[in-house]
Amino acid sequence: MSMAMSSDRAVPEPLGDPGDIETELLRFLELRTGKTWLADMDVFGSGGLSSLFAMELVVHLERTYGIAVRGADLQMDNFRTARSMAALVGRLQRPAVGGSDA
């Protein structure tokens, strides 16, 4: 019963606190870029990060937080800062009550 590193399905308990989500996202950004980030730093405006990295962020958010980012939510502004990504996660986690297949 090892819960070691099965990262392809590592969906932790939902982190409902936006501060916890921000902290995790800042850690992810630092690990992926080798740079320290602040919650309100523009990830793409600071240079060096591509639209391909934006897709990596989408996949990370979906897998880590059990959400689906679609349609209007796929706007660059939702991924500009750790704070905006945390807000997106919080918003997309909420409607899980009634299911979403509309």
N, C-alpha and C. Protein backbone atom coordinates (compact mmCIF):
# COMPACT_ATOMS: atom_id res chain seq x y z
N MET A 1 0.82 -1.18 0.00
CA MET A 1 0.00 0.00 0.00
C MET A 1 0.87 1.25 0.00
N SER A 2 1.70 1.34 -0.94
CA SER A 2 2.60 2.48 -1.03
C SER A 2 1.93 3.62 -1.77
N MET A 3 1.89 4.77 -1.16
CA MET A 3 1.32 5.95 -1.80
C MET A 3 2.45 6.83 -2.31
N ALA A 4 3.55 6.23 -2.63
CA ALA A 4 4.75 6.95 -3.04
C ALA A 4 4.49 7.91 -4.18
N MET A 5 5.03 7.65 -5.34
CA MET A 5 4.99 8.62 -6.41
C MET A 5 4.19 8.14 -7.61
N SER A 6 2.90 8.09 -7.49
CA SER A 6 2.09 7.78 -8.67
C SER A 6 1.54 9.09 -9.20
N SER A 7 2.40 9.85 -9.84
CA SER A 7 2.06 11.21 -10.23
C SER A 7 1.11 11.31 -11.41
N ASP A 8 0.90 10.23 -12.16
CA ASP A 8 -0.02 10.36 -13.27
C ASP A 8 -1.47 10.34 -12.80
N ARG A 9 -1.70 10.09 -11.53
CA ARG A 9 -3.05 10.10 -11.00
C ARG A 9 -3.07 10.71 -9.61
N ALA A 10 -2.13 11.58 -9.36
CA ALA A 10 -2.00 12.19 -8.04
C ALA A 10 -2.98 13.33 -7.88
N VAL A 11 -4.21 13.01 -7.53
CA VAL A 11 -5.21 14.04 -7.28
C VAL A 11 -5.34 14.14 -5.76
N PRO A 12 -4.71 15.16 -5.18
CA PRO A 12 -4.77 15.30 -3.73
C PRO A 12 -6.15 15.74 -3.29
N GLU A 13 -6.34 15.76 -1.97
CA GLU A 13 -7.59 16.29 -1.46
C GLU A 13 -7.76 17.69 -2.04
N PRO A 14 -8.98 18.04 -2.46
CA PRO A 14 -9.17 19.37 -3.02
C PRO A 14 -8.71 20.43 -2.03
N LEU A 15 -7.89 21.33 -2.48
CA LEU A 15 -7.43 22.43 -1.65
C LEU A 15 -8.39 23.58 -1.86
N GLY A 16 -9.35 23.71 -0.97
CA GLY A 16 -10.36 24.73 -1.14
C GLY A 16 -9.86 26.13 -0.87
N ASP A 17 -8.82 26.26 -0.06
CA ASP A 17 -8.29 27.57 0.28
C ASP A 17 -7.44 28.10 -0.86
N PRO A 18 -7.83 29.24 -1.44
CA PRO A 18 -7.04 29.81 -2.54
C PRO A 18 -5.58 30.03 -2.17
N GLY A 19 -5.29 30.30 -0.89
CA GLY A 19 -3.91 30.47 -0.45
C GLY A 19 -3.11 29.19 -0.61
N ASP A 20 -3.73 28.05 -0.30
CA ASP A 20 -3.07 26.75 -0.48
C ASP A 20 -2.81 26.47 -1.95
N ILE A 21 -3.78 26.80 -2.78
CA ILE A 21 -3.65 26.59 -4.22
C ILE A 21 -2.54 27.48 -4.76
N GLU A 22 -2.52 28.75 -4.35
CA GLU A 22 -1.45 29.66 -4.78
C GLU A 22 -0.09 29.11 -4.39
N THR A 23 0.04 28.64 -3.16
CA THR A 23 1.31 28.11 -2.68
C THR A 23 1.76 26.94 -3.53
N GLU A 24 0.85 26.03 -3.83
CA GLU A 24 1.20 24.87 -4.66
C GLU A 24 1.59 25.31 -6.06
N LEU A 25 0.86 26.27 -6.62
CA LEU A 25 1.18 26.74 -7.97
C LEU A 25 2.52 27.46 -8.02
N LEU A 26 2.83 28.23 -6.99
CA LEU A 26 4.13 28.90 -6.93
C LEU A 26 5.26 27.87 -6.86
N ARG A 27 5.03 26.82 -6.11
CA ARG A 27 6.02 25.74 -6.01
C ARG A 27 6.18 25.05 -7.37
N PHE A 28 5.07 24.76 -8.05
CA PHE A 28 5.11 24.15 -9.37
C PHE A 28 5.88 25.03 -10.36
N LEU A 29 5.56 26.33 -10.37
CA LEU A 29 6.23 27.26 -11.27
C LEU A 29 7.73 27.31 -10.99
N GLU A 30 8.10 27.33 -9.73
CA GLU A 30 9.52 27.38 -9.37
C GLU A 30 10.24 26.11 -9.82
N LEU A 31 9.60 24.96 -9.61
CA LEU A 31 10.22 23.70 -10.03
C LEU A 31 10.38 23.62 -11.54
N ARG A 32 9.40 24.11 -12.27
CA ARG A 32 9.43 24.03 -13.74
C ARG A 32 10.32 25.07 -14.38
N THR A 33 10.50 26.23 -13.72
CA THR A 33 11.24 27.31 -14.35
C THR A 33 12.58 27.62 -13.70
N GLY A 34 12.78 27.13 -12.47
CA GLY A 34 14.01 27.44 -11.75
C GLY A 34 14.05 28.87 -11.24
N LYS A 35 12.90 29.52 -11.19
CA LYS A 35 12.79 30.92 -10.79
C LYS A 35 11.79 31.04 -9.66
N THR A 36 12.02 31.97 -8.74
CA THR A 36 11.08 32.23 -7.66
C THR A 36 10.00 33.19 -8.14
N TRP A 37 8.75 32.87 -7.83
CA TRP A 37 7.61 33.66 -8.29
C TRP A 37 6.83 34.21 -7.10
N LEU A 38 6.19 35.34 -7.31
CA LEU A 38 5.25 35.90 -6.35
C LEU A 38 3.84 35.63 -6.90
N ALA A 39 2.86 35.61 -6.02
CA ALA A 39 1.49 35.26 -6.42
C ALA A 39 0.92 36.17 -7.49
N ASP A 40 1.36 37.42 -7.53
CA ASP A 40 0.81 38.36 -8.50
C ASP A 40 1.77 38.69 -9.64
N MET A 41 2.86 37.91 -9.78
CA MET A 41 3.79 38.11 -10.89
C MET A 41 3.20 37.57 -12.18
N ASP A 42 3.35 38.33 -13.26
CA ASP A 42 2.86 37.91 -14.58
C ASP A 42 3.79 36.84 -15.13
N VAL A 43 3.30 35.61 -15.16
CA VAL A 43 4.10 34.47 -15.58
C VAL A 43 4.58 34.61 -17.02
N PHE A 44 3.75 35.17 -17.87
CA PHE A 44 4.10 35.27 -19.29
C PHE A 44 4.70 36.63 -19.63
N GLY A 45 4.31 37.67 -18.93
CA GLY A 45 4.83 39.00 -19.19
C GLY A 45 6.29 39.16 -18.78
N SER A 46 6.75 38.29 -17.88
CA SER A 46 8.13 38.38 -17.42
C SER A 46 9.11 37.78 -18.43
N GLY A 47 8.58 37.19 -19.48
CA GLY A 47 9.43 36.65 -20.55
C GLY A 47 9.88 35.23 -20.29
N GLY A 48 10.19 34.55 -21.38
CA GLY A 48 10.75 33.22 -21.25
C GLY A 48 9.76 32.08 -21.22
N LEU A 49 8.48 32.35 -20.97
CA LEU A 49 7.50 31.28 -20.93
C LEU A 49 6.61 31.36 -22.16
N SER A 50 6.36 30.22 -22.74
CA SER A 50 5.66 30.17 -24.02
C SER A 50 4.20 29.74 -23.88
N SER A 51 3.49 29.78 -25.00
CA SER A 51 2.11 29.29 -25.01
C SER A 51 2.08 27.78 -24.79
N LEU A 52 3.16 27.10 -25.14
CA LEU A 52 3.26 25.67 -24.85
C LEU A 52 3.27 25.44 -23.34
N PHE A 53 3.95 26.32 -22.63
CA PHE A 53 3.96 26.23 -21.18
C PHE A 53 2.55 26.49 -20.63
N ALA A 54 1.79 27.35 -21.29
CA ALA A 54 0.41 27.60 -20.87
C ALA A 54 -0.39 26.30 -20.92
N MET A 55 -0.17 25.51 -21.96
CA MET A 55 -0.89 24.23 -22.06
C MET A 55 -0.44 23.28 -20.95
N GLU A 56 0.83 23.32 -20.61
CA GLU A 56 1.32 22.51 -19.49
C GLU A 56 0.64 22.93 -18.19
N LEU A 57 0.43 24.22 -18.03
CA LEU A 57 -0.28 24.71 -16.84
C LEU A 57 -1.71 24.19 -16.81
N VAL A 58 -2.38 24.20 -17.95
CA VAL A 58 -3.76 23.71 -18.03
C VAL A 58 -3.80 22.24 -17.59
N VAL A 59 -2.92 21.44 -18.14
CA VAL A 59 -2.87 20.01 -17.80
C VAL A 59 -2.58 19.83 -16.31
N HIS A 60 -1.64 20.62 -15.79
CA HIS A 60 -1.31 20.53 -14.36
C HIS A 60 -2.54 20.85 -13.51
N LEU A 61 -3.23 21.93 -13.83
CA LEU A 61 -4.41 22.30 -13.05
C LEU A 61 -5.49 21.23 -13.12
N GLU A 62 -5.73 20.71 -14.31
CA GLU A 62 -6.76 19.68 -14.46
C GLU A 62 -6.43 18.42 -13.68
N ARG A 63 -5.21 17.96 -13.77
CA ARG A 63 -4.82 16.72 -13.07
C ARG A 63 -4.71 16.91 -11.57
N THR A 64 -4.15 18.01 -11.15
CA THR A 64 -3.92 18.24 -9.73
C THR A 64 -5.20 18.52 -8.97
N TYR A 65 -6.11 19.27 -9.58
CA TYR A 65 -7.31 19.71 -8.86
C TYR A 65 -8.59 19.07 -9.35
N GLY A 66 -8.51 18.13 -10.30
CA GLY A 66 -9.70 17.42 -10.75
C GLY A 66 -10.71 18.32 -11.42
N ILE A 67 -10.24 19.29 -12.18
CA ILE A 67 -11.13 20.21 -12.88
C ILE A 67 -10.98 20.02 -14.38
N ALA A 68 -11.89 20.61 -15.14
CA ALA A 68 -11.80 20.63 -16.60
C ALA A 68 -11.83 22.09 -17.03
N VAL A 69 -10.77 22.51 -17.69
CA VAL A 69 -10.68 23.90 -18.17
C VAL A 69 -11.09 23.89 -19.63
N ARG A 70 -12.20 24.55 -19.94
CA ARG A 70 -12.74 24.54 -21.30
C ARG A 70 -13.21 25.91 -21.73
N GLY A 71 -13.45 26.03 -23.01
CA GLY A 71 -14.10 27.21 -23.58
C GLY A 71 -13.55 28.53 -23.11
N ALA A 72 -14.43 29.35 -22.57
CA ALA A 72 -14.08 30.71 -22.16
C ALA A 72 -13.01 30.74 -21.07
N ASP A 73 -12.86 29.65 -20.33
CA ASP A 73 -11.85 29.61 -19.27
C ASP A 73 -10.44 29.46 -19.82
N LEU A 74 -10.31 29.13 -21.10
CA LEU A 74 -8.99 28.97 -21.70
C LEU A 74 -8.42 30.31 -22.20
N GLN A 75 -8.59 31.34 -21.42
CA GLN A 75 -8.06 32.66 -21.74
C GLN A 75 -6.74 32.85 -21.01
N MET A 76 -5.78 33.46 -21.67
CA MET A 76 -4.46 33.68 -21.09
C MET A 76 -4.54 34.40 -19.74
N ASP A 77 -5.49 35.30 -19.58
CA ASP A 77 -5.60 36.04 -18.32
C ASP A 77 -5.84 35.12 -17.12
N ASN A 78 -6.46 33.97 -17.33
CA ASN A 78 -6.68 33.02 -16.25
C ASN A 78 -5.39 32.31 -15.82
N PHE A 79 -4.34 32.46 -16.59
CA PHE A 79 -3.09 31.76 -16.33
C PHE A 79 -1.91 32.70 -16.13
N ARG A 80 -2.17 34.00 -16.10
CA ARG A 80 -1.11 35.00 -16.00
C ARG A 80 -0.36 34.96 -14.68
N THR A 81 -1.08 34.75 -13.59
CA THR A 81 -0.46 34.76 -12.26
C THR A 81 -0.93 33.54 -11.47
N ALA A 82 -0.16 33.20 -10.44
CA ALA A 82 -0.59 32.10 -9.56
C ALA A 82 -1.92 32.45 -8.92
N ARG A 83 -2.12 33.72 -8.61
CA ARG A 83 -3.37 34.17 -8.00
C ARG A 83 -4.55 33.97 -8.94
N SER A 84 -4.39 34.31 -10.22
CA SER A 84 -5.50 34.14 -11.17
C SER A 84 -5.77 32.65 -11.43
N MET A 85 -4.71 31.83 -11.42
CA MET A 85 -4.92 30.39 -11.59
C MET A 85 -5.64 29.80 -10.38
N ALA A 86 -5.29 30.25 -9.18
CA ALA A 86 -5.96 29.77 -7.97
C ALA A 86 -7.44 30.16 -7.99
N ALA A 87 -7.73 31.37 -8.46
CA ALA A 87 -9.13 31.81 -8.56
C ALA A 87 -9.89 30.95 -9.56
N LEU A 88 -9.25 30.63 -10.67
CA LEU A 88 -9.87 29.77 -11.68
C LEU A 88 -10.18 28.40 -11.10
N VAL A 89 -9.21 27.81 -10.39
CA VAL A 89 -9.42 26.50 -9.78
C VAL A 89 -10.59 26.56 -8.80
N GLY A 90 -10.60 27.58 -7.96
CA GLY A 90 -11.69 27.72 -6.98
C GLY A 90 -13.04 27.82 -7.65
N ARG A 91 -13.10 28.59 -8.72
CA ARG A 91 -14.36 28.76 -9.45
C ARG A 91 -14.80 27.45 -10.10
N LEU A 92 -13.86 26.71 -10.68
CA LEU A 92 -14.22 25.47 -11.37
C LEU A 92 -14.48 24.31 -10.43
N GLN A 93 -13.98 24.36 -9.23
CA GLN A 93 -14.25 23.30 -8.26
C GLN A 93 -15.64 23.43 -7.67
N ARG A 94 -16.18 24.63 -7.59
CA ARG A 94 -17.48 24.86 -6.96
C ARG A 94 -18.65 24.14 -7.62
N PRO A 95 -18.83 24.19 -8.94
CA PRO A 95 -20.04 23.62 -9.52
C PRO A 95 -20.09 22.10 -9.50
N ALA A 96 -19.23 21.43 -8.81
CA ALA A 96 -19.21 19.96 -8.79
C ALA A 96 -20.45 19.35 -8.15
N VAL A 97 -21.28 20.14 -7.49
CA VAL A 97 -22.45 19.63 -6.76
C VAL A 97 -23.45 18.96 -7.69
N GLY A 98 -23.90 19.62 -8.72
CA GLY A 98 -24.93 19.08 -9.60
C GLY A 98 -24.42 18.34 -10.81
N GLY A 99 -23.12 18.23 -10.94
CA GLY A 99 -22.56 17.61 -12.13
C GLY A 99 -22.56 18.60 -13.27
N SER A 100 -21.72 18.37 -14.27
CA SER A 100 -21.66 19.33 -15.37
C SER A 100 -21.53 18.62 -16.70
N ASP A 101 -22.66 18.41 -17.31
CA ASP A 101 -22.66 17.79 -18.64
C ASP A 101 -23.61 18.54 -19.54
N ALA A 102 -23.63 19.87 -19.33
CA ALA A 102 -24.57 20.68 -20.12
C ALA A 102 -23.88 21.42 -21.20
